[in-house]
Amino acid sequence: MIAAIDLNDEPQVRELLNVQLLSYNVEARLIGFYDIPGLRDTVDTLQACGEQFFGYWQQDALAGAVSFKDENGCIDIHRLVVHPDFFRRGIGEQLVSHVLDTFQHRAARFIVSTGAANLPAIRLYTKLGFVEQRKVEVAPGFFIAEFEKAVQ
């Protein structure tokens, strides 16, 4: 089930933080970069981030989450995290698709970025119709790939 995450609900935010840390630790090992900003988050920083979150619950456990900001008709996807116990089940795709479907009538475009070496994420975004726009070096030797999807 996909539903909004209430950032004022501290137990929900703690569960979100746990999933985020587990997920980003796997990504850090995959891309060889351990300074992912989400690895420094706390309950307080998540509550203050200004993003909207949707979570994917498997029974009573948070299996994944996506966050975004709606910035003047551009939906900027900031985070996509899946608990490692739930990898390879299509949860990330369902979460991103939920954002695309929910906001397709309000947004002119969607943007997202990921580590340029994060091939699973790049395959997902490409599958969902995102087109790579550019690669940006954000730290010495570390690049992110930026993607965009225009609304039809």
C-alpha atoms as a PDB file:
ATOM      1  CA  MET A   1       0.000   0.000   0.000  1.00  0.00           C
ATOM      2  CA  ILE A   2       1.291   3.478  -0.892  1.00  0.00           C
ATOM      3  CA  ALA A   3       0.326   6.388   1.370  1.00  0.00           C
ATOM      4  CA  ALA A   4       1.686   9.732   2.489  1.00  0.00           C
ATOM      5  CA  ILE A   5       4.200   9.751   5.333  1.00  0.00           C
ATOM      6  CA  ASP A   6       3.374  12.243   8.076  1.00  0.00           C
ATOM      7  CA  LEU A   7       6.608  14.012   9.016  1.00  0.00           C
ATOM      8  CA  ASN A   8       4.971  15.156  12.268  1.00  0.00           C
ATOM      9  CA  ASP A   9       4.580  11.516  13.340  1.00  0.00           C
ATOM     10  CA  GLU A  10       7.939  10.781  14.991  1.00  0.00           C
ATOM     11  CA  PRO A  11       7.606   6.949  14.931  1.00  0.00           C
ATOM     12  CA  GLN A  12       6.918   7.116  11.172  1.00  0.00           C
ATOM     13  CA  VAL A  13       9.913   9.399  10.665  1.00  0.00           C
ATOM     14  CA  ARG A  14      12.145   7.065  12.694  1.00  0.00           C
ATOM     15  CA  GLU A  15      11.054   4.150  10.516  1.00  0.00           C
ATOM     16  CA  LEU A  16      11.664   6.251   7.392  1.00  0.00           C
ATOM     17  CA  LEU A  17      15.139   7.216   8.633  1.00  0.00           C
ATOM     18  CA  ASN A  18      15.997   3.566   9.275  1.00  0.00           C
ATOM     19  CA  VAL A  19      14.965   2.542   5.749  1.00  0.00           C
ATOM     20  CA  GLN A  20      16.804   5.523   4.266  1.00  0.00           C
ATOM     21  CA  LEU A  21      20.066   4.753   6.096  1.00  0.00           C
ATOM     22  CA  LEU A  22      19.965   1.071   5.131  1.00  0.00           C
ATOM     23  CA  SER A  23      19.187   1.898   1.504  1.00  0.00           C
ATOM     24  CA  TYR A  24      21.786   4.653   1.139  1.00  0.00           C
ATOM     25  CA  ASN A  25      24.464   2.476   2.737  1.00  0.00           C
ATOM     26  CA  VAL A  26      23.892  -0.089  -0.021  1.00  0.00           C
ATOM     27  CA  GLU A  27      24.016   2.682  -2.648  1.00  0.00           C
ATOM     28  CA  ALA A  28      27.220   4.093  -1.137  1.00  0.00           C
ATOM     29  CA  ARG A  29      28.928   0.705  -1.460  1.00  0.00           C
ATOM     30  CA  LEU A  30      27.582   0.300  -5.004  1.00  0.00           C
ATOM     31  CA  ILE A  31      28.859   3.653  -6.259  1.00  0.00           C
ATOM     32  CA  GLY A  32      31.943   3.916  -4.052  1.00  0.00           C
ATOM     33  CA  PHE A  33      30.889   7.248  -2.527  1.00  0.00           C
ATOM     34  CA  TYR A  34      30.076   7.474   1.174  1.00  0.00           C
ATOM     35  CA  ASP A  35      29.245  11.162   1.479  1.00  0.00           C
ATOM     36  CA  ILE A  36      25.617  10.820   0.349  1.00  0.00           C
ATOM     37  CA  PRO A  37      23.742  13.622   2.159  1.00  0.00           C
ATOM     38  CA  GLY A  38      20.941  11.263   3.215  1.00  0.00           C
ATOM     39  CA  LEU A  39      23.415   9.283   5.323  1.00  0.00           C
ATOM     40  CA  ARG A  40      23.776  12.322   7.600  1.00  0.00           C
ATOM     41  CA  ASP A  41      20.036  12.808   8.160  1.00  0.00           C
ATOM     42  CA  THR A  42      18.381  12.683  11.559  1.00  0.00           C
ATOM     43  CA  VAL A  43      14.732  12.679  12.573  1.00  0.00           C
ATOM     44  CA  ASP A  44      14.967  16.459  12.937  1.00  0.00           C
ATOM     45  CA  THR A  45      16.535  17.049   9.510  1.00  0.00           C
ATOM     46  CA  LEU A  46      13.956  14.830   7.825  1.00  0.00           C
ATOM     47  CA  GLN A  47      11.128  16.683   9.552  1.00  0.00           C
ATOM     48  CA  ALA A  48      12.595  20.014   8.410  1.00  0.00           C
ATOM     49  CA  CYS A  49      13.530  19.037   4.825  1.00  0.00           C
ATOM     50  CA  GLY A  50      10.468  20.587   3.160  1.00  0.00           C
ATOM     51  CA  GLU A  51       9.847  17.490   1.040  1.00  0.00           C
ATOM     52  CA  GLN A  52       6.662  15.471   0.689  1.00  0.00           C
ATOM     53  CA  PHE A  53       6.977  11.712   1.198  1.00  0.00           C
ATOM     54  CA  PHE A  54       5.054   8.670   0.079  1.00  0.00           C
ATOM     55  CA  GLY A  55       5.763   5.341   1.692  1.00  0.00           C
ATOM     56  CA  TYR A  56       5.198   1.802   0.511  1.00  0.00           C
ATOM     57  CA  TRP A  57       4.041  -0.461   3.323  1.00  0.00           C
ATOM     58  CA  GLN A  58       4.271  -4.231   3.195  1.00  0.00           C
ATOM     59  CA  GLN A  59       1.857  -5.274   5.921  1.00  0.00           C
ATOM     60  CA  ASP A  60       2.935  -3.003   8.798  1.00  0.00           C
ATOM     61  CA  ALA A  61       6.549  -2.458   7.710  1.00  0.00           C
ATOM     62  CA  LEU A  62       7.792   0.490   5.680  1.00  0.00           C
ATOM     63  CA  ALA A  63       9.457  -1.156   2.676  1.00  0.00           C
ATOM     64  CA  GLY A  64      10.344   2.003   0.755  1.00  0.00           C
ATOM     65  CA  ALA A  65       9.756   5.714   0.304  1.00  0.00           C
ATOM     66  CA  VAL A  66       9.983   8.465  -2.265  1.00  0.00           C
ATOM     67  CA  SER A  67      10.221  12.193  -1.591  1.00  0.00           C
ATOM     68  CA  PHE A  68       9.838  15.229  -3.787  1.00  0.00           C
ATOM     69  CA  LYS A  69       9.288  18.950  -3.926  1.00  0.00           C
ATOM     70  CA  ASP A  70       6.786  20.677  -6.170  1.00  0.00           C
ATOM     71  CA  GLU A  71       8.699  23.717  -7.404  1.00  0.00           C
ATOM     72  CA  ASN A  72       6.590  25.878  -9.726  1.00  0.00           C
ATOM     73  CA  GLY A  73       5.243  23.030 -11.832  1.00  0.00           C
ATOM     74  CA  CYS A  74       8.422  20.973 -11.686  1.00  0.00           C
ATOM     75  CA  ILE A  75       8.316  17.866  -9.505  1.00  0.00           C
ATOM     76  CA  ASP A  76      11.845  17.333  -8.216  1.00  0.00           C
ATOM     77  CA  ILE A  77      12.247  13.798  -6.863  1.00  0.00           C
ATOM     78  CA  HIS A  78      14.767  14.029  -4.045  1.00  0.00           C
ATOM     79  CA  ARG A  79      14.907  10.549  -2.526  1.00  0.00           C
ATOM     80  CA  LEU A  80      14.016   7.024  -3.494  1.00  0.00           C
ATOM     81  CA  VAL A  81      14.843   4.457  -0.848  1.00  0.00           C
ATOM     82  CA  VAL A  82      13.951   0.794  -0.480  1.00  0.00           C
ATOM     83  CA  HIS A  83      14.747  -1.399   2.499  1.00  0.00           C
ATOM     84  CA  PRO A  84      17.335  -3.986   1.366  1.00  0.00           C
ATOM     85  CA  ASP A  85      15.017  -6.811   2.503  1.00  0.00           C
ATOM     86  CA  PHE A  86      12.590  -5.636  -0.192  1.00  0.00           C
ATOM     87  CA  PHE A  87      15.003  -5.099  -3.115  1.00  0.00           C
ATOM     88  CA  ARG A  88      14.057  -6.430  -6.557  1.00  0.00           C
ATOM     89  CA  ARG A  89      10.298  -6.420  -5.923  1.00  0.00           C
ATOM     90  CA  GLY A  90       9.373  -3.372  -7.993  1.00  0.00           C
ATOM     91  CA  ILE A  91       8.776  -1.128  -4.980  1.00  0.00           C
ATOM     92  CA  GLY A  92      10.967   1.712  -6.248  1.00  0.00           C
ATOM     93  CA  GLU A  93       9.205   1.623  -9.608  1.00  0.00           C
ATOM     94  CA  GLN A  94       5.792   1.678  -7.949  1.00  0.00           C
ATOM     95  CA  LEU A  95       6.765   4.637  -5.774  1.00  0.00           C
ATOM     96  CA  VAL A  96       8.135   6.736  -8.656  1.00  0.00           C
ATOM     97  CA  SER A  97       5.149   5.765 -10.828  1.00  0.00           C
ATOM     98  CA  HIS A  98       2.836   6.888  -8.031  1.00  0.00           C
ATOM     99  CA  VAL A  99       4.442  10.342  -8.019  1.00  0.00           C
ATOM    100  CA  LEU A 100       4.296  10.527 -11.824  1.00  0.00           C
ATOM    101  CA  ASP A 101       0.630   9.485 -11.907  1.00  0.00           C
ATOM    102  CA  THR A 102      -0.399  11.710  -8.995  1.00  0.00           C
ATOM    103  CA  PHE A 103       1.187  14.891 -10.337  1.00  0.00           C
ATOM    104  CA  GLN A 104       1.078  14.466 -14.121  1.00  0.00           C
ATOM    105  CA  HIS A 105      -1.786  16.969 -14.425  1.00  0.00           C
ATOM    106  CA  ARG A 106      -0.108  19.590 -12.220  1.00  0.00           C
ATOM    107  CA  ALA A 107       3.483  19.351 -13.415  1.00  0.00           C
ATOM    108  CA  ALA A 108       5.136  20.408 -16.642  1.00  0.00           C
ATOM    109  CA  ARG A 109       8.127  18.175 -15.952  1.00  0.00           C
ATOM    110  CA  PHE A 110       9.737  15.810 -13.470  1.00  0.00           C
ATOM    111  CA  ILE A 111      13.430  15.770 -12.574  1.00  0.00           C
ATOM    112  CA  VAL A 112      15.605  13.367 -10.610  1.00  0.00           C
ATOM    113  CA  SER A 113      19.306  12.711 -10.118  1.00  0.00           C
ATOM    114  CA  THR A 114      21.359   9.765  -8.948  1.00  0.00           C
ATOM    115  CA  GLY A 115      24.956   8.689  -8.748  1.00  0.00           C
ATOM    116  CA  ALA A 116      26.205   8.207 -12.309  1.00  0.00           C
ATOM    117  CA  ALA A 117      27.451   4.746 -11.299  1.00  0.00           C
ATOM    118  CA  ASN A 118      24.091   3.691  -9.820  1.00  0.00           C
ATOM    119  CA  LEU A 119      23.052   1.502 -12.738  1.00  0.00           C
ATOM    120  CA  PRO A 120      19.906   0.036 -11.102  1.00  0.00           C
ATOM    121  CA  ALA A 121      18.526   3.556 -10.496  1.00  0.00           C
ATOM    122  CA  ILE A 122      19.494   4.698 -13.988  1.00  0.00           C
ATOM    123  CA  ARG A 123      17.719   1.672 -15.511  1.00  0.00           C
ATOM    124  CA  LEU A 124      14.621   2.440 -13.434  1.00  0.00           C
ATOM    125  CA  TYR A 125      14.435   6.106 -14.394  1.00  0.00           C
ATOM    126  CA  THR A 126      15.070   5.338 -18.065  1.00  0.00           C
ATOM    127  CA  LYS A 127      12.369   2.652 -18.012  1.00  0.00           C
ATOM    128  CA  LEU A 128       9.923   5.225 -16.642  1.00  0.00           C
ATOM    129  CA  GLY A 129      10.645   7.668 -19.471  1.00  0.00           C
ATOM    130  CA  PHE A 130      13.274   9.911 -17.905  1.00  0.00           C
ATOM    131  CA  VAL A 131      16.012  11.130 -20.240  1.00  0.00           C
ATOM    132  CA  GLU A 132      19.518  11.852 -19.030  1.00  0.00           C
ATOM    133  CA  GLN A 133      20.315  15.557 -19.355  1.00  0.00           C
ATOM    134  CA  ARG A 134      23.872  15.739 -18.093  1.00  0.00           C
ATOM    135  CA  LYS A 135      26.458  14.448 -15.637  1.00  0.00           C
ATOM    136  CA  VAL A 136      27.801  16.799 -12.979  1.00  0.00           C
ATOM    137  CA  GLU A 137      30.910  16.335 -10.853  1.00  0.00           C
ATOM    138  CA  VAL A 138      29.736  17.092  -7.299  1.00  0.00           C
ATOM    139  CA  ALA A 139      32.885  15.912  -5.510  1.00  0.00           C
ATOM    140  CA  PRO A 140      36.339  15.079  -6.865  1.00  0.00           C
ATOM    141  CA  GLY A 141      35.840  12.067  -9.113  1.00  0.00           C
ATOM    142  CA  PHE A 142      32.163  11.624  -8.165  1.00  0.00           C
ATOM    143  CA  PHE A 143      29.461  12.359 -10.710  1.00  0.00           C
ATOM    144  CA  ILE A 144      25.696  12.481 -10.544  1.00  0.00           C
ATOM    145  CA  ALA A 145      23.470  11.963 -13.559  1.00  0.00           C
ATOM    146  CA  GLU A 146      20.521  14.332 -13.903  1.00  0.00           C
ATOM    147  CA  PHE A 147      17.337  13.173 -15.629  1.00  0.00           C
ATOM    148  CA  GLU A 148      14.177  14.858 -16.838  1.00  0.00           C
ATOM    149  CA  LYS A 149      10.771  13.660 -17.956  1.00  0.00           C
ATOM    150  CA  ALA A 150       8.471  16.074 -19.750  1.00  0.00           C
ATOM    151  CA  VAL A 151       4.749  15.698 -19.208  1.00  0.00           C
ATOM    152  CA  GLN A 152       2.920  14.704 -22.387  1.00  0.00           C
END
